[in-house]
Amino acid sequence: MHVPDCLVLIPGKGVAIERVIVDKNVTIGDFCHIADKRNAPDKDEDYYYVRGGITIIRRGINLAAHTVI
């Protein structure tokens, strides 16, 4: 099956992500950790935002190795 505009995510080695939406053209470096934000308040940062406990990585962001969100 072909899904138009579908993104295939290939994160770096040792990456841990939970409850995350990754927008288009995002690069996730080695050993990044994006944790569950179920109990966190909604917030906006330069390269991500949190809504309803889900972290959304903004389009075109390159997360450097060892980034922790």
N, C-alpha and C. Protein backbone atom coordinates (compact mmCIF):
# COMPACT_ATOMS: atom_id res chain seq x y z
N MET A 1 0.85 -1.17 0.00
CA MET A 1 0.00 0.00 0.00
C MET A 1 0.90 1.24 0.00
N HIS A 2 0.56 2.23 -0.79
CA HIS A 2 1.29 3.50 -0.84
C HIS A 2 0.49 4.57 -0.12
N VAL A 3 1.13 5.25 0.78
CA VAL A 3 0.49 6.35 1.51
C VAL A 3 1.20 7.63 1.11
N PRO A 4 0.53 8.57 0.42
CA PRO A 4 1.19 9.81 0.00
C PRO A 4 1.71 10.60 1.20
N ASP A 5 2.86 11.21 1.02
CA ASP A 5 3.48 12.06 2.05
C ASP A 5 3.75 11.32 3.35
N CYS A 6 3.92 10.02 3.27
CA CYS A 6 4.23 9.23 4.46
C CYS A 6 5.70 9.39 4.80
N LEU A 7 6.00 9.49 6.07
CA LEU A 7 7.36 9.67 6.55
C LEU A 7 7.88 8.36 7.12
N VAL A 8 9.05 7.97 6.71
CA VAL A 8 9.72 6.82 7.30
C VAL A 8 10.77 7.38 8.23
N LEU A 9 10.62 7.10 9.50
CA LEU A 9 11.53 7.62 10.52
C LEU A 9 12.63 6.61 10.80
N ILE A 10 13.87 7.04 10.63
CA ILE A 10 15.01 6.20 10.97
C ILE A 10 15.85 6.98 11.98
N PRO A 11 15.57 6.77 13.26
CA PRO A 11 16.32 7.50 14.29
C PRO A 11 17.73 6.95 14.43
N GLY A 12 18.56 7.71 15.12
CA GLY A 12 19.92 7.26 15.40
C GLY A 12 19.91 6.09 16.38
N LYS A 13 21.08 5.53 16.63
CA LYS A 13 21.15 4.38 17.54
C LYS A 13 20.94 4.83 18.99
N GLY A 14 20.33 3.95 19.76
CA GLY A 14 20.11 4.22 21.17
C GLY A 14 19.05 5.27 21.46
N VAL A 15 18.16 5.54 20.51
CA VAL A 15 17.11 6.56 20.67
C VAL A 15 15.91 5.95 21.40
N ALA A 16 15.38 6.70 22.37
CA ALA A 16 14.18 6.28 23.08
C ALA A 16 13.13 7.37 22.95
N ILE A 17 11.99 7.03 22.33
CA ILE A 17 10.91 8.01 22.19
C ILE A 17 9.60 7.35 22.63
N GLU A 18 8.76 8.13 23.32
CA GLU A 18 7.48 7.63 23.80
C GLU A 18 6.46 8.76 23.75
N ARG A 19 5.30 8.49 23.14
CA ARG A 19 4.21 9.46 22.98
C ARG A 19 4.71 10.71 22.25
N VAL A 20 5.26 10.50 21.06
CA VAL A 20 5.86 11.57 20.28
C VAL A 20 5.29 11.55 18.86
N ILE A 21 5.02 12.73 18.33
CA ILE A 21 4.70 12.90 16.92
C ILE A 21 5.88 13.64 16.31
N VAL A 22 6.41 13.08 15.24
CA VAL A 22 7.56 13.67 14.57
C VAL A 22 7.09 14.20 13.22
N ASP A 23 7.24 15.50 13.00
CA ASP A 23 6.83 16.12 11.74
C ASP A 23 7.84 15.77 10.65
N LYS A 24 7.59 16.26 9.44
CA LYS A 24 8.45 15.96 8.29
C LYS A 24 9.85 16.52 8.45
N ASN A 25 10.80 15.83 7.82
CA ASN A 25 12.19 16.29 7.72
C ASN A 25 12.87 16.52 9.06
N VAL A 26 12.59 15.66 10.02
CA VAL A 26 13.22 15.74 11.33
C VAL A 26 14.33 14.69 11.41
N THR A 27 15.46 15.08 11.95
CA THR A 27 16.57 14.16 12.18
C THR A 27 16.75 14.01 13.69
N ILE A 28 16.82 12.76 14.13
CA ILE A 28 16.99 12.48 15.56
C ILE A 28 18.36 11.83 15.73
N GLY A 29 19.27 12.52 16.44
CA GLY A 29 20.62 12.03 16.64
C GLY A 29 20.70 10.85 17.58
N ASP A 30 21.87 10.25 17.64
CA ASP A 30 22.11 9.09 18.49
C ASP A 30 21.85 9.41 19.96
N PHE A 31 21.29 8.45 20.65
CA PHE A 31 21.08 8.48 22.09
C PHE A 31 20.20 9.63 22.58
N CYS A 32 19.30 10.11 21.74
CA CYS A 32 18.30 11.10 22.18
C CYS A 32 17.23 10.40 23.00
N HIS A 33 16.65 11.13 23.93
CA HIS A 33 15.60 10.57 24.78
C HIS A 33 14.46 11.58 24.82
N ILE A 34 13.31 11.17 24.30
CA ILE A 34 12.12 12.03 24.32
C ILE A 34 11.09 11.29 25.16
N ALA A 35 10.87 11.79 26.37
CA ALA A 35 10.09 11.07 27.38
C ALA A 35 8.60 11.36 27.28
N ASP A 36 7.86 10.49 27.92
CA ASP A 36 6.41 10.60 28.05
C ASP A 36 6.08 11.87 28.86
N LYS A 37 5.19 12.71 28.35
CA LYS A 37 4.82 13.96 29.04
C LYS A 37 3.36 13.93 29.49
N ARG A 38 2.86 12.76 29.85
CA ARG A 38 1.45 12.60 30.20
C ARG A 38 0.96 13.59 31.26
N ASN A 39 1.78 13.89 32.24
CA ASN A 39 1.36 14.77 33.33
C ASN A 39 1.95 16.17 33.22
N ALA A 40 2.61 16.46 32.11
CA ALA A 40 3.24 17.77 31.93
C ALA A 40 2.23 18.78 31.39
N PRO A 41 2.36 20.04 31.77
CA PRO A 41 1.48 21.07 31.20
C PRO A 41 1.84 21.33 29.74
N ASP A 42 0.88 21.84 28.99
CA ASP A 42 1.15 22.22 27.60
C ASP A 42 2.21 23.31 27.58
N LYS A 43 3.12 23.24 26.61
CA LYS A 43 4.17 24.25 26.52
C LYS A 43 4.68 24.34 25.09
N ASP A 44 5.31 25.46 24.77
CA ASP A 44 5.90 25.70 23.45
C ASP A 44 7.38 26.01 23.62
N GLU A 45 8.21 25.29 22.87
CA GLU A 45 9.65 25.53 22.84
C GLU A 45 10.04 25.78 21.39
N ASP A 46 11.29 26.14 21.17
CA ASP A 46 11.75 26.44 19.81
C ASP A 46 11.61 25.25 18.87
N TYR A 47 11.93 24.06 19.33
CA TYR A 47 11.96 22.91 18.44
C TYR A 47 10.92 21.84 18.74
N TYR A 48 10.11 22.03 19.75
CA TYR A 48 9.02 21.10 20.04
C TYR A 48 7.95 21.80 20.85
N TYR A 49 6.79 21.15 20.93
CA TYR A 49 5.75 21.61 21.84
C TYR A 49 5.02 20.40 22.41
N VAL A 50 4.32 20.61 23.52
CA VAL A 50 3.60 19.54 24.19
C VAL A 50 2.13 19.92 24.24
N ARG A 51 1.28 19.00 23.80
CA ARG A 51 -0.17 19.20 23.84
C ARG A 51 -0.82 17.92 24.35
N GLY A 52 -1.55 18.03 25.43
CA GLY A 52 -2.26 16.87 25.96
C GLY A 52 -1.34 15.70 26.30
N GLY A 53 -0.13 16.00 26.73
CA GLY A 53 0.81 14.96 27.12
C GLY A 53 1.59 14.34 25.99
N ILE A 54 1.38 14.81 24.76
CA ILE A 54 2.11 14.29 23.60
C ILE A 54 3.10 15.35 23.14
N THR A 55 4.34 14.93 22.92
CA THR A 55 5.38 15.83 22.43
C THR A 55 5.37 15.82 20.92
N ILE A 56 5.36 16.99 20.31
CA ILE A 56 5.37 17.14 18.85
C ILE A 56 6.68 17.83 18.47
N ILE A 57 7.50 17.14 17.67
CA ILE A 57 8.75 17.71 17.19
C ILE A 57 8.44 18.50 15.92
N ARG A 58 8.82 19.75 15.91
CA ARG A 58 8.50 20.64 14.78
C ARG A 58 9.21 20.23 13.49
N ARG A 59 8.60 20.58 12.38
CA ARG A 59 9.10 20.26 11.04
C ARG A 59 10.52 20.79 10.82
N GLY A 60 11.35 19.94 10.23
CA GLY A 60 12.69 20.35 9.82
C GLY A 60 13.72 20.45 10.93
N ILE A 61 13.40 20.00 12.12
CA ILE A 61 14.31 20.11 13.26
C ILE A 61 15.36 19.00 13.21
N ASN A 62 16.58 19.33 13.58
CA ASN A 62 17.66 18.35 13.72
C ASN A 62 18.03 18.27 15.19
N LEU A 63 17.63 17.19 15.85
CA LEU A 63 17.97 17.02 17.26
C LEU A 63 19.37 16.44 17.35
N ALA A 64 20.25 17.14 18.02
CA ALA A 64 21.63 16.71 18.18
C ALA A 64 21.70 15.45 19.04
N ALA A 65 22.78 14.72 18.91
CA ALA A 65 22.99 13.52 19.72
C ALA A 65 22.90 13.87 21.20
N HIS A 66 22.33 12.98 21.98
CA HIS A 66 22.20 13.09 23.44
C HIS A 66 21.20 14.16 23.87
N THR A 67 20.32 14.62 22.99
CA THR A 67 19.28 15.57 23.38
C THR A 67 18.26 14.87 24.27
N VAL A 68 17.85 15.54 25.35
CA VAL A 68 16.82 15.00 26.25
C VAL A 68 15.68 15.99 26.29
N ILE A 69 14.48 15.51 26.01
CA ILE A 69 13.27 16.36 26.08
C ILE A 69 12.36 15.72 27.09
